[in-house]
């Protein structure tokens, strides 16, 4: 069982990691703060089950944060903030030459980054983003398991996140 003091220590130790992870799913600072609070409220609500000394407690918190963000986005029917498949949909004021140049650079960087992704992972990613298929549908089409699809898309997003980090706000 997690005591109040242990909770405070857990919070202070891992808030930065949880915030960083959640920032990949939203650019709205208020929403980010809310999500961080909601994750730690869940931690407190589940304090009976949490061992703060467990070596994988940080992984547990990050998994909880990721699941929370995805659940919130799913409820709002929104894509994660850093959804790279939407590069061409980025709104840019017509009168902003700088904005148009940044959009063009981002689009080019996205295409180049996607070329670094292994072919099967790229196929899974594009089936998800371009055709809107679920992991199960992609798995069936590619003849692999849904967990493999999840891993390939996750791998692709990691590559894109690193390669396009300079474009993050």
N, C-alpha and C. Protein backbone atom coordinates (compact mmCIF):
# COMPACT_ATOMS: atom_id res chain seq x y z
N UNK A 1 0.84 -1.19 0.00
CA UNK A 1 0.00 0.00 0.00
C UNK A 1 0.89 1.25 0.00
N UNK A 2 0.48 2.21 -0.76
CA UNK A 2 1.19 3.46 -0.94
C UNK A 2 0.75 4.45 0.14
N UNK A 3 1.69 4.93 0.95
CA UNK A 3 1.36 5.93 1.97
C UNK A 3 1.36 7.31 1.31
N UNK A 4 0.87 8.29 2.04
CA UNK A 4 0.83 9.66 1.51
C UNK A 4 2.25 10.15 1.20
N UNK A 5 3.18 9.88 2.10
CA UNK A 5 4.58 10.30 1.90
C UNK A 5 5.18 9.60 0.68
N UNK A 6 4.91 8.29 0.53
CA UNK A 6 5.42 7.54 -0.62
C UNK A 6 4.81 8.07 -1.92
N UNK A 7 3.53 8.43 -1.86
CA UNK A 7 2.86 9.00 -3.04
C UNK A 7 3.53 10.31 -3.44
N UNK A 8 3.78 11.17 -2.46
CA UNK A 8 4.43 12.45 -2.76
C UNK A 8 5.80 12.22 -3.39
N UNK A 9 6.54 11.28 -2.85
CA UNK A 9 7.86 10.95 -3.39
C UNK A 9 7.74 10.41 -4.82
N UNK A 10 6.78 9.52 -5.04
CA UNK A 10 6.54 8.96 -6.37
C UNK A 10 6.16 10.07 -7.36
N UNK A 11 5.30 10.96 -6.91
CA UNK A 11 4.86 12.09 -7.73
C UNK A 11 6.06 12.96 -8.10
N UNK A 12 6.83 13.38 -7.10
CA UNK A 12 7.98 14.26 -7.35
C UNK A 12 9.04 13.60 -8.22
N UNK A 13 9.21 12.31 -8.08
CA UNK A 13 10.22 11.59 -8.84
C UNK A 13 9.82 11.40 -10.30
N UNK A 14 8.54 11.16 -10.56
CA UNK A 14 8.13 10.75 -11.90
C UNK A 14 7.24 11.74 -12.65
N UNK A 15 6.94 12.88 -12.08
CA UNK A 15 6.04 13.82 -12.76
C UNK A 15 6.61 14.29 -14.09
N UNK A 16 7.92 14.53 -14.14
CA UNK A 16 8.53 15.01 -15.39
C UNK A 16 8.40 13.96 -16.50
N UNK A 17 8.65 12.69 -16.19
CA UNK A 17 8.56 11.62 -17.19
C UNK A 17 7.12 11.46 -17.67
N UNK A 18 6.18 11.53 -16.75
CA UNK A 18 4.76 11.40 -17.12
C UNK A 18 4.35 12.58 -17.99
N UNK A 19 4.75 13.78 -17.60
CA UNK A 19 4.42 14.99 -18.38
C UNK A 19 5.02 14.93 -19.78
N UNK A 20 6.27 14.50 -19.86
CA UNK A 20 6.93 14.40 -21.17
C UNK A 20 6.21 13.41 -22.06
N UNK A 21 5.88 12.26 -21.52
CA UNK A 21 5.17 11.26 -22.32
C UNK A 21 3.83 11.80 -22.79
N UNK A 22 3.08 12.41 -21.91
CA UNK A 22 1.75 12.92 -22.27
C UNK A 22 1.85 14.06 -23.28
N UNK A 23 2.96 14.79 -23.29
CA UNK A 23 3.10 15.90 -24.24
C UNK A 23 3.18 15.40 -25.68
N UNK A 24 3.45 14.11 -25.88
CA UNK A 24 3.44 13.56 -27.24
C UNK A 24 2.01 13.38 -27.76
N UNK A 25 1.04 13.49 -26.87
CA UNK A 25 -0.34 13.25 -27.26
C UNK A 25 -1.19 14.51 -27.29
N UNK A 26 -0.69 15.62 -26.76
CA UNK A 26 -1.44 16.87 -26.80
C UNK A 26 -0.48 18.05 -26.80
N UNK A 27 -0.89 19.12 -27.46
CA UNK A 27 -0.11 20.36 -27.44
C UNK A 27 -0.77 21.39 -26.53
N UNK A 28 -1.94 21.08 -26.03
CA UNK A 28 -2.70 21.98 -25.16
C UNK A 28 -2.16 21.86 -23.73
N UNK A 29 -1.54 22.93 -23.24
CA UNK A 29 -0.91 22.89 -21.91
C UNK A 29 -1.92 22.63 -20.80
N UNK A 30 -3.11 23.19 -20.91
CA UNK A 30 -4.13 22.96 -19.89
C UNK A 30 -4.56 21.50 -19.88
N UNK A 31 -4.77 20.95 -21.06
CA UNK A 31 -5.14 19.55 -21.17
C UNK A 31 -4.02 18.66 -20.64
N UNK A 32 -2.79 19.01 -20.94
CA UNK A 32 -1.65 18.25 -20.45
C UNK A 32 -1.62 18.24 -18.92
N UNK A 33 -1.80 19.41 -18.32
CA UNK A 33 -1.82 19.49 -16.85
C UNK A 33 -2.97 18.65 -16.28
N UNK A 34 -4.12 18.72 -16.92
CA UNK A 34 -5.26 17.91 -16.46
C UNK A 34 -4.95 16.42 -16.53
N UNK A 35 -4.36 16.00 -17.64
CA UNK A 35 -4.04 14.59 -17.81
C UNK A 35 -3.04 14.11 -16.76
N UNK A 36 -2.04 14.94 -16.49
CA UNK A 36 -1.04 14.56 -15.47
C UNK A 36 -1.74 14.39 -14.12
N UNK A 37 -2.59 15.34 -13.78
CA UNK A 37 -3.33 15.24 -12.52
C UNK A 37 -4.20 13.99 -12.50
N UNK A 38 -4.89 13.72 -13.60
CA UNK A 38 -5.78 12.56 -13.66
C UNK A 38 -5.00 11.25 -13.52
N UNK A 39 -3.82 11.19 -14.10
CA UNK A 39 -2.99 9.98 -13.97
C UNK A 39 -2.62 9.77 -12.51
N UNK A 40 -2.18 10.83 -11.85
CA UNK A 40 -1.77 10.67 -10.46
C UNK A 40 -2.97 10.47 -9.52
N UNK A 41 -4.13 10.95 -9.91
CA UNK A 41 -5.35 10.63 -9.15
C UNK A 41 -5.62 9.13 -9.25
N UNK A 42 -5.44 8.58 -10.46
CA UNK A 42 -5.61 7.13 -10.63
C UNK A 42 -4.60 6.35 -9.79
N UNK A 43 -3.38 6.88 -9.73
CA UNK A 43 -2.35 6.24 -8.90
C UNK A 43 -2.83 6.22 -7.45
N UNK A 44 -3.32 7.37 -6.98
CA UNK A 44 -3.79 7.44 -5.60
C UNK A 44 -4.98 6.51 -5.38
N UNK A 45 -5.89 6.47 -6.34
CA UNK A 45 -7.06 5.59 -6.22
C UNK A 45 -6.66 4.12 -6.17
N UNK A 46 -5.54 3.79 -6.83
CA UNK A 46 -5.06 2.41 -6.86
C UNK A 46 -3.90 2.17 -5.89
N UNK A 47 -3.76 3.03 -4.90
CA UNK A 47 -2.63 2.95 -3.98
C UNK A 47 -2.52 1.61 -3.25
N UNK A 48 -3.64 0.92 -3.11
CA UNK A 48 -3.64 -0.39 -2.45
C UNK A 48 -2.80 -1.41 -3.23
N UNK A 49 -2.76 -1.24 -4.56
CA UNK A 49 -2.11 -2.21 -5.43
C UNK A 49 -0.68 -1.82 -5.82
N UNK A 50 -0.25 -0.63 -5.47
CA UNK A 50 1.03 -0.11 -5.96
C UNK A 50 2.13 -0.25 -4.90
N UNK A 51 3.23 -0.85 -5.32
CA UNK A 51 4.42 -0.97 -4.48
C UNK A 51 5.43 0.06 -4.98
N UNK A 52 5.65 1.16 -4.24
CA UNK A 52 6.55 2.21 -4.72
C UNK A 52 8.00 1.76 -4.85
N UNK A 53 8.35 0.67 -4.20
CA UNK A 53 9.71 0.17 -4.27
C UNK A 53 9.94 -0.80 -5.41
N UNK A 54 8.88 -1.13 -6.13
CA UNK A 54 9.01 -2.10 -7.24
C UNK A 54 9.89 -1.50 -8.33
N UNK A 55 10.80 -2.30 -8.90
CA UNK A 55 11.71 -1.75 -9.92
C UNK A 55 11.01 -1.27 -11.19
N UNK A 56 9.81 -1.70 -11.42
CA UNK A 56 9.11 -1.30 -12.66
C UNK A 56 7.99 -0.29 -12.40
N UNK A 57 8.04 0.40 -11.29
CA UNK A 57 6.97 1.34 -10.97
C UNK A 57 6.92 2.49 -11.99
N UNK A 58 8.07 2.94 -12.47
CA UNK A 58 8.08 4.02 -13.47
C UNK A 58 7.41 3.54 -14.76
N UNK A 59 7.72 2.33 -15.21
CA UNK A 59 7.09 1.78 -16.40
C UNK A 59 5.58 1.67 -16.23
N UNK A 60 5.17 1.29 -15.04
CA UNK A 60 3.73 1.19 -14.73
C UNK A 60 3.07 2.56 -14.87
N UNK A 61 3.71 3.59 -14.31
CA UNK A 61 3.16 4.95 -14.40
C UNK A 61 3.09 5.43 -15.84
N UNK A 62 4.14 5.17 -16.61
CA UNK A 62 4.15 5.61 -18.00
C UNK A 62 3.10 4.88 -18.83
N UNK A 63 2.94 3.60 -18.57
CA UNK A 63 1.91 2.83 -19.28
C UNK A 63 0.53 3.37 -18.92
N UNK A 64 0.34 3.68 -17.64
CA UNK A 64 -0.93 4.25 -17.19
C UNK A 64 -1.18 5.59 -17.89
N UNK A 65 -0.14 6.42 -18.00
CA UNK A 65 -0.27 7.72 -18.64
C UNK A 65 -0.60 7.57 -20.12
N UNK A 66 0.09 6.68 -20.80
CA UNK A 66 -0.15 6.44 -22.22
C UNK A 66 -1.59 5.98 -22.45
N UNK A 67 -2.03 5.02 -21.65
CA UNK A 67 -3.39 4.51 -21.78
C UNK A 67 -4.42 5.60 -21.51
N UNK A 68 -4.12 6.44 -20.54
CA UNK A 68 -5.04 7.55 -20.22
C UNK A 68 -5.16 8.51 -21.41
N UNK A 69 -4.01 8.87 -21.99
CA UNK A 69 -4.03 9.79 -23.13
C UNK A 69 -4.79 9.20 -24.31
N UNK A 70 -4.51 7.94 -24.62
CA UNK A 70 -5.19 7.31 -25.76
C UNK A 70 -6.68 7.19 -25.51
N UNK A 71 -7.06 6.90 -24.29
CA UNK A 71 -8.48 6.81 -23.94
C UNK A 71 -9.15 8.18 -24.11
N UNK A 72 -8.51 9.23 -23.62
CA UNK A 72 -9.06 10.59 -23.76
C UNK A 72 -9.19 10.98 -25.23
N UNK A 73 -8.16 10.70 -26.02
CA UNK A 73 -8.21 11.04 -27.44
C UNK A 73 -9.29 10.24 -28.16
N UNK A 74 -9.42 8.98 -27.80
CA UNK A 74 -10.44 8.13 -28.41
C UNK A 74 -11.83 8.68 -28.09
N UNK A 75 -12.05 9.09 -26.84
CA UNK A 75 -13.34 9.66 -26.45
C UNK A 75 -13.63 10.95 -27.22
N UNK A 76 -12.58 11.72 -27.48
CA UNK A 76 -12.74 12.98 -28.20
C UNK A 76 -12.67 12.80 -29.72
N UNK A 77 -12.42 11.55 -30.13
CA UNK A 77 -12.26 11.22 -31.54
C UNK A 77 -11.20 12.11 -32.19
N UNK A 78 -10.05 12.21 -31.49
CA UNK A 78 -8.94 13.02 -31.96
C UNK A 78 -7.72 12.16 -32.18
N UNK A 79 -6.83 12.64 -33.02
CA UNK A 79 -5.54 12.01 -33.26
C UNK A 79 -4.55 12.57 -32.25
N UNK A 80 -3.50 11.82 -31.91
CA UNK A 80 -2.45 12.39 -31.07
C UNK A 80 -1.88 13.65 -31.69
N UNK A 81 -1.40 14.55 -30.85
CA UNK A 81 -0.83 15.83 -31.30
C UNK A 81 0.24 15.62 -32.34
N UNK A 82 1.06 14.63 -32.17
CA UNK A 82 2.17 14.41 -33.07
C UNK A 82 1.81 13.33 -34.07
N UNK A 83 0.64 13.46 -34.71
CA UNK A 83 0.18 12.50 -35.69
C UNK A 83 0.77 12.89 -37.04
N UNK A 84 1.82 12.22 -37.43
CA UNK A 84 2.60 12.61 -38.59
C UNK A 84 1.89 12.44 -39.92
N UNK A 85 0.83 11.67 -39.92
CA UNK A 85 0.13 11.45 -41.17
C UNK A 85 -0.70 12.66 -41.58
N UNK A 86 -0.79 13.65 -40.76
CA UNK A 86 -1.63 14.80 -41.03
C UNK A 86 -0.83 16.02 -41.47
N UNK A 87 0.40 15.82 -41.90
CA UNK A 87 1.27 16.93 -42.28
C UNK A 87 0.62 17.84 -43.30
N UNK A 88 0.00 17.29 -44.32
CA UNK A 88 -0.59 18.11 -45.37
C UNK A 88 -1.85 18.83 -44.91
N UNK A 89 -2.39 18.45 -43.75
CA UNK A 89 -3.60 19.08 -43.24
C UNK A 89 -3.30 20.20 -42.25
N UNK A 90 -2.03 20.49 -42.02
CA UNK A 90 -1.68 21.55 -41.06
C UNK A 90 -2.19 22.88 -41.61
N UNK A 91 -3.02 23.58 -40.83
CA UNK A 91 -3.54 24.85 -41.32
C UNK A 91 -2.45 25.92 -41.31
N UNK A 92 -2.29 26.57 -42.43
CA UNK A 92 -1.31 27.65 -42.55
C UNK A 92 -2.03 28.83 -43.18
N UNK A 93 -1.92 30.01 -42.55
CA UNK A 93 -2.56 31.18 -43.15
C UNK A 93 -2.00 31.43 -44.55
N UNK A 94 -2.88 31.72 -45.49
CA UNK A 94 -2.49 31.93 -46.87
C UNK A 94 -1.51 33.10 -46.98
N UNK A 95 -1.68 34.11 -46.15
CA UNK A 95 -0.81 35.29 -46.23
C UNK A 95 0.54 35.07 -45.56
N UNK A 96 0.75 33.95 -44.92
CA UNK A 96 1.99 33.69 -44.20
C UNK A 96 2.96 32.89 -45.06
N UNK A 97 3.91 33.57 -45.66
CA UNK A 97 4.92 32.91 -46.48
C UNK A 97 5.78 32.02 -45.58
N UNK A 98 6.13 32.52 -44.40
CA UNK A 98 6.93 31.73 -43.46
C UNK A 98 6.20 30.44 -43.08
N UNK A 99 4.92 30.56 -42.79
CA UNK A 99 4.13 29.37 -42.43
C UNK A 99 4.09 28.36 -43.56
N UNK A 100 3.97 28.83 -44.78
CA UNK A 100 3.95 27.93 -45.93
C UNK A 100 5.30 27.25 -46.11
N UNK A 101 6.39 27.98 -45.87
CA UNK A 101 7.72 27.39 -45.98
C UNK A 101 7.94 26.32 -44.91
N UNK A 102 7.50 26.62 -43.69
CA UNK A 102 7.64 25.65 -42.60
C UNK A 102 6.83 24.39 -42.92
N UNK A 103 5.63 24.59 -43.43
CA UNK A 103 4.80 23.44 -43.79
C UNK A 103 5.47 22.60 -44.88
N UNK A 104 6.05 23.27 -45.86
CA UNK A 104 6.74 22.56 -46.94
C UNK A 104 7.94 21.80 -46.40
N UNK A 105 8.72 22.44 -45.51
CA UNK A 105 9.88 21.78 -44.91
C UNK A 105 9.45 20.58 -44.07
N UNK A 106 8.38 20.74 -43.31
CA UNK A 106 7.88 19.65 -42.47
C UNK A 106 7.41 18.49 -43.33
N UNK A 107 6.71 18.79 -44.39
CA UNK A 107 6.23 17.76 -45.30
C UNK A 107 7.40 16.98 -45.90
N UNK A 108 8.44 17.69 -46.32
CA UNK A 108 9.63 17.04 -46.90
C UNK A 108 10.34 16.20 -45.84
N UNK A 109 10.49 16.75 -44.64
CA UNK A 109 11.16 16.03 -43.55
C UNK A 109 10.36 14.77 -43.18
N UNK A 110 9.06 14.87 -43.21
CA UNK A 110 8.19 13.72 -42.91
C UNK A 110 8.42 12.60 -43.94
N UNK A 111 8.42 12.96 -45.21
CA UNK A 111 8.64 11.96 -46.26
C UNK A 111 10.01 11.30 -46.11
N UNK A 112 11.03 12.11 -45.83
CA UNK A 112 12.39 11.57 -45.64
C UNK A 112 12.46 10.67 -44.41
N UNK A 113 11.81 11.07 -43.34
CA UNK A 113 11.82 10.26 -42.11
C UNK A 113 11.10 8.94 -42.34
N UNK A 114 10.01 8.98 -43.08
CA UNK A 114 9.25 7.76 -43.36
C UNK A 114 10.06 6.79 -44.21
N UNK A 115 10.99 7.30 -45.00
CA UNK A 115 11.85 6.43 -45.80
C UNK A 115 12.83 5.63 -44.94
N UNK A 116 13.06 6.08 -43.72
CA UNK A 116 13.97 5.37 -42.81
C UNK A 116 13.30 4.21 -42.10
N UNK A 117 11.99 4.12 -42.23
CA UNK A 117 11.22 3.08 -41.55
C UNK A 117 11.29 1.78 -42.36
N UNK A 118 11.47 0.64 -41.69
CA UNK A 118 11.48 -0.64 -42.41
C UNK A 118 10.18 -0.83 -43.20
N UNK A 119 10.25 -1.52 -44.34
CA UNK A 119 9.09 -1.63 -45.24
C UNK A 119 7.81 -2.17 -44.59
N UNK A 120 7.90 -3.23 -43.80
CA UNK A 120 6.69 -3.81 -43.19
C UNK A 120 6.09 -2.85 -42.15
N UNK A 121 6.94 -2.18 -41.39
CA UNK A 121 6.46 -1.21 -40.41
C UNK A 121 5.81 -0.02 -41.12
N UNK A 122 6.42 0.39 -42.21
CA UNK A 122 5.87 1.50 -43.01
C UNK A 122 4.51 1.11 -43.58
N UNK A 123 4.39 -0.14 -44.05
CA UNK A 123 3.12 -0.61 -44.60
C UNK A 123 2.04 -0.59 -43.51
N UNK A 124 2.37 -1.10 -42.32
CA UNK A 124 1.40 -1.11 -41.23
C UNK A 124 0.99 0.31 -40.86
N UNK A 125 1.98 1.20 -40.79
CA UNK A 125 1.72 2.59 -40.44
C UNK A 125 0.80 3.27 -41.47
N UNK A 126 1.11 3.09 -42.74
CA UNK A 126 0.29 3.74 -43.77
C UNK A 126 -1.11 3.15 -43.85
N UNK A 127 -1.24 1.84 -43.60
CA UNK A 127 -2.58 1.25 -43.57
C UNK A 127 -3.40 1.86 -42.43
N UNK A 128 -2.74 2.11 -41.33
CA UNK A 128 -3.42 2.71 -40.18
C UNK A 128 -3.77 4.17 -40.45
N UNK A 129 -2.81 4.93 -40.93
CA UNK A 129 -3.01 6.37 -41.08
C UNK A 129 -3.75 6.74 -42.36
N UNK A 130 -3.38 6.14 -43.47
CA UNK A 130 -3.98 6.53 -44.75
C UNK A 130 -5.35 5.89 -44.98
N UNK A 131 -5.47 4.62 -44.63
CA UNK A 131 -6.73 3.91 -44.87
C UNK A 131 -7.61 3.84 -43.63
N UNK A 132 -7.07 4.21 -42.47
CA UNK A 132 -7.86 4.22 -41.25
C UNK A 132 -8.22 2.83 -40.72
N UNK A 133 -7.40 1.82 -41.08
CA UNK A 133 -7.69 0.47 -40.63
C UNK A 133 -7.32 0.28 -39.17
N UNK A 134 -8.03 -0.60 -38.49
CA UNK A 134 -7.70 -0.94 -37.11
C UNK A 134 -6.51 -1.89 -37.11
N UNK A 135 -5.91 -2.08 -35.94
CA UNK A 135 -4.78 -3.00 -35.83
C UNK A 135 -5.20 -4.40 -36.25
N UNK A 136 -6.40 -4.80 -35.88
CA UNK A 136 -6.88 -6.14 -36.26
C UNK A 136 -7.02 -6.27 -37.77
N UNK A 137 -7.55 -5.25 -38.40
CA UNK A 137 -7.71 -5.28 -39.85
C UNK A 137 -6.35 -5.30 -40.55
N UNK A 138 -5.42 -4.51 -40.03
CA UNK A 138 -4.08 -4.49 -40.61
C UNK A 138 -3.42 -5.85 -40.44
N UNK A 139 -3.57 -6.42 -39.25
CA UNK A 139 -2.98 -7.73 -38.96
C UNK A 139 -3.51 -8.78 -39.93
N UNK A 140 -4.80 -8.74 -40.17
CA UNK A 140 -5.41 -9.70 -41.09
C UNK A 140 -4.89 -9.50 -42.51
N UNK A 141 -4.81 -8.26 -42.95
CA UNK A 141 -4.35 -7.95 -44.30
C UNK A 141 -2.88 -8.32 -44.50
N UNK A 142 -2.06 -8.12 -43.47
CA UNK A 142 -0.62 -8.38 -43.59
C UNK A 142 -0.24 -9.80 -43.15
N UNK A 143 -1.19 -10.52 -42.55
CA UNK A 143 -0.90 -11.88 -42.11
C UNK A 143 0.00 -11.94 -40.88
N UNK A 144 -0.17 -10.96 -39.97
CA UNK A 144 0.61 -10.93 -38.74
C UNK A 144 -0.34 -10.70 -37.57
N UNK A 145 0.18 -10.74 -36.35
CA UNK A 145 -0.67 -10.54 -35.18
C UNK A 145 -0.91 -9.05 -34.93
N UNK A 146 -2.02 -8.72 -34.26
CA UNK A 146 -2.28 -7.32 -33.92
C UNK A 146 -1.17 -6.72 -33.04
N UNK A 147 -0.57 -7.53 -32.18
CA UNK A 147 0.53 -7.04 -31.33
C UNK A 147 1.75 -6.67 -32.18
N UNK A 148 1.99 -7.43 -33.24
CA UNK A 148 3.09 -7.10 -34.15
C UNK A 148 2.80 -5.79 -34.85
N UNK A 149 1.55 -5.60 -35.26
CA UNK A 149 1.14 -4.34 -35.89
C UNK A 149 1.37 -3.19 -34.92
N UNK A 150 0.94 -3.37 -33.69
CA UNK A 150 1.13 -2.34 -32.67
C UNK A 150 2.61 -2.00 -32.50
N UNK A 151 3.44 -3.02 -32.44
CA UNK A 151 4.88 -2.81 -32.30
C UNK A 151 5.48 -2.08 -33.49
N UNK A 152 5.05 -2.44 -34.70
CA UNK A 152 5.58 -1.79 -35.90
C UNK A 152 5.17 -0.33 -35.98
N UNK A 153 3.93 -0.05 -35.62
CA UNK A 153 3.46 1.34 -35.65
C UNK A 153 4.16 2.15 -34.56
N UNK A 154 4.32 1.56 -33.41
CA UNK A 154 5.05 2.22 -32.32
C UNK A 154 6.49 2.52 -32.73
N UNK A 155 7.13 1.56 -33.36
CA UNK A 155 8.51 1.74 -33.86
C UNK A 155 8.57 2.89 -34.88
N UNK A 156 7.61 2.92 -35.77
CA UNK A 156 7.55 3.98 -36.78
C UNK A 156 7.38 5.34 -36.11
N UNK A 157 6.49 5.43 -35.14
CA UNK A 157 6.26 6.71 -34.45
C UNK A 157 7.50 7.18 -33.70
N UNK A 158 8.25 6.24 -33.13
CA UNK A 158 9.49 6.62 -32.44
C UNK A 158 10.48 7.24 -33.43
N UNK A 159 10.62 6.61 -34.58
CA UNK A 159 11.52 7.14 -35.61
C UNK A 159 11.07 8.53 -36.05
N UNK A 160 9.79 8.67 -36.32
CA UNK A 160 9.27 9.96 -36.78
C UNK A 160 9.41 11.03 -35.69
N UNK A 161 9.16 10.66 -34.45
CA UNK A 161 9.27 11.60 -33.34
C UNK A 161 10.70 12.15 -33.26
N UNK A 162 11.68 11.28 -33.39
CA UNK A 162 13.08 11.71 -33.32
C UNK A 162 13.42 12.57 -34.54
N UNK A 163 13.08 12.09 -35.71
CA UNK A 163 13.46 12.79 -36.94
C UNK A 163 12.76 14.14 -37.10
N UNK A 164 11.58 14.28 -36.53
CA UNK A 164 10.82 15.51 -36.71
C UNK A 164 10.78 16.36 -35.44
N UNK A 165 11.65 16.06 -34.50
CA UNK A 165 11.63 16.76 -33.21
C UNK A 165 11.81 18.27 -33.36
N UNK A 166 12.54 18.72 -34.35
CA UNK A 166 12.77 20.15 -34.51
C UNK A 166 11.50 20.91 -34.88
N UNK A 167 10.46 20.21 -35.34
CA UNK A 167 9.22 20.86 -35.74
C UNK A 167 8.20 20.92 -34.61
N UNK A 168 8.52 20.27 -33.48
CA UNK A 168 7.60 20.29 -32.34
C UNK A 168 7.56 21.68 -31.75
N UNK A 169 6.36 22.06 -31.32
CA UNK A 169 6.18 23.40 -30.76
C UNK A 169 6.71 23.61 -29.40
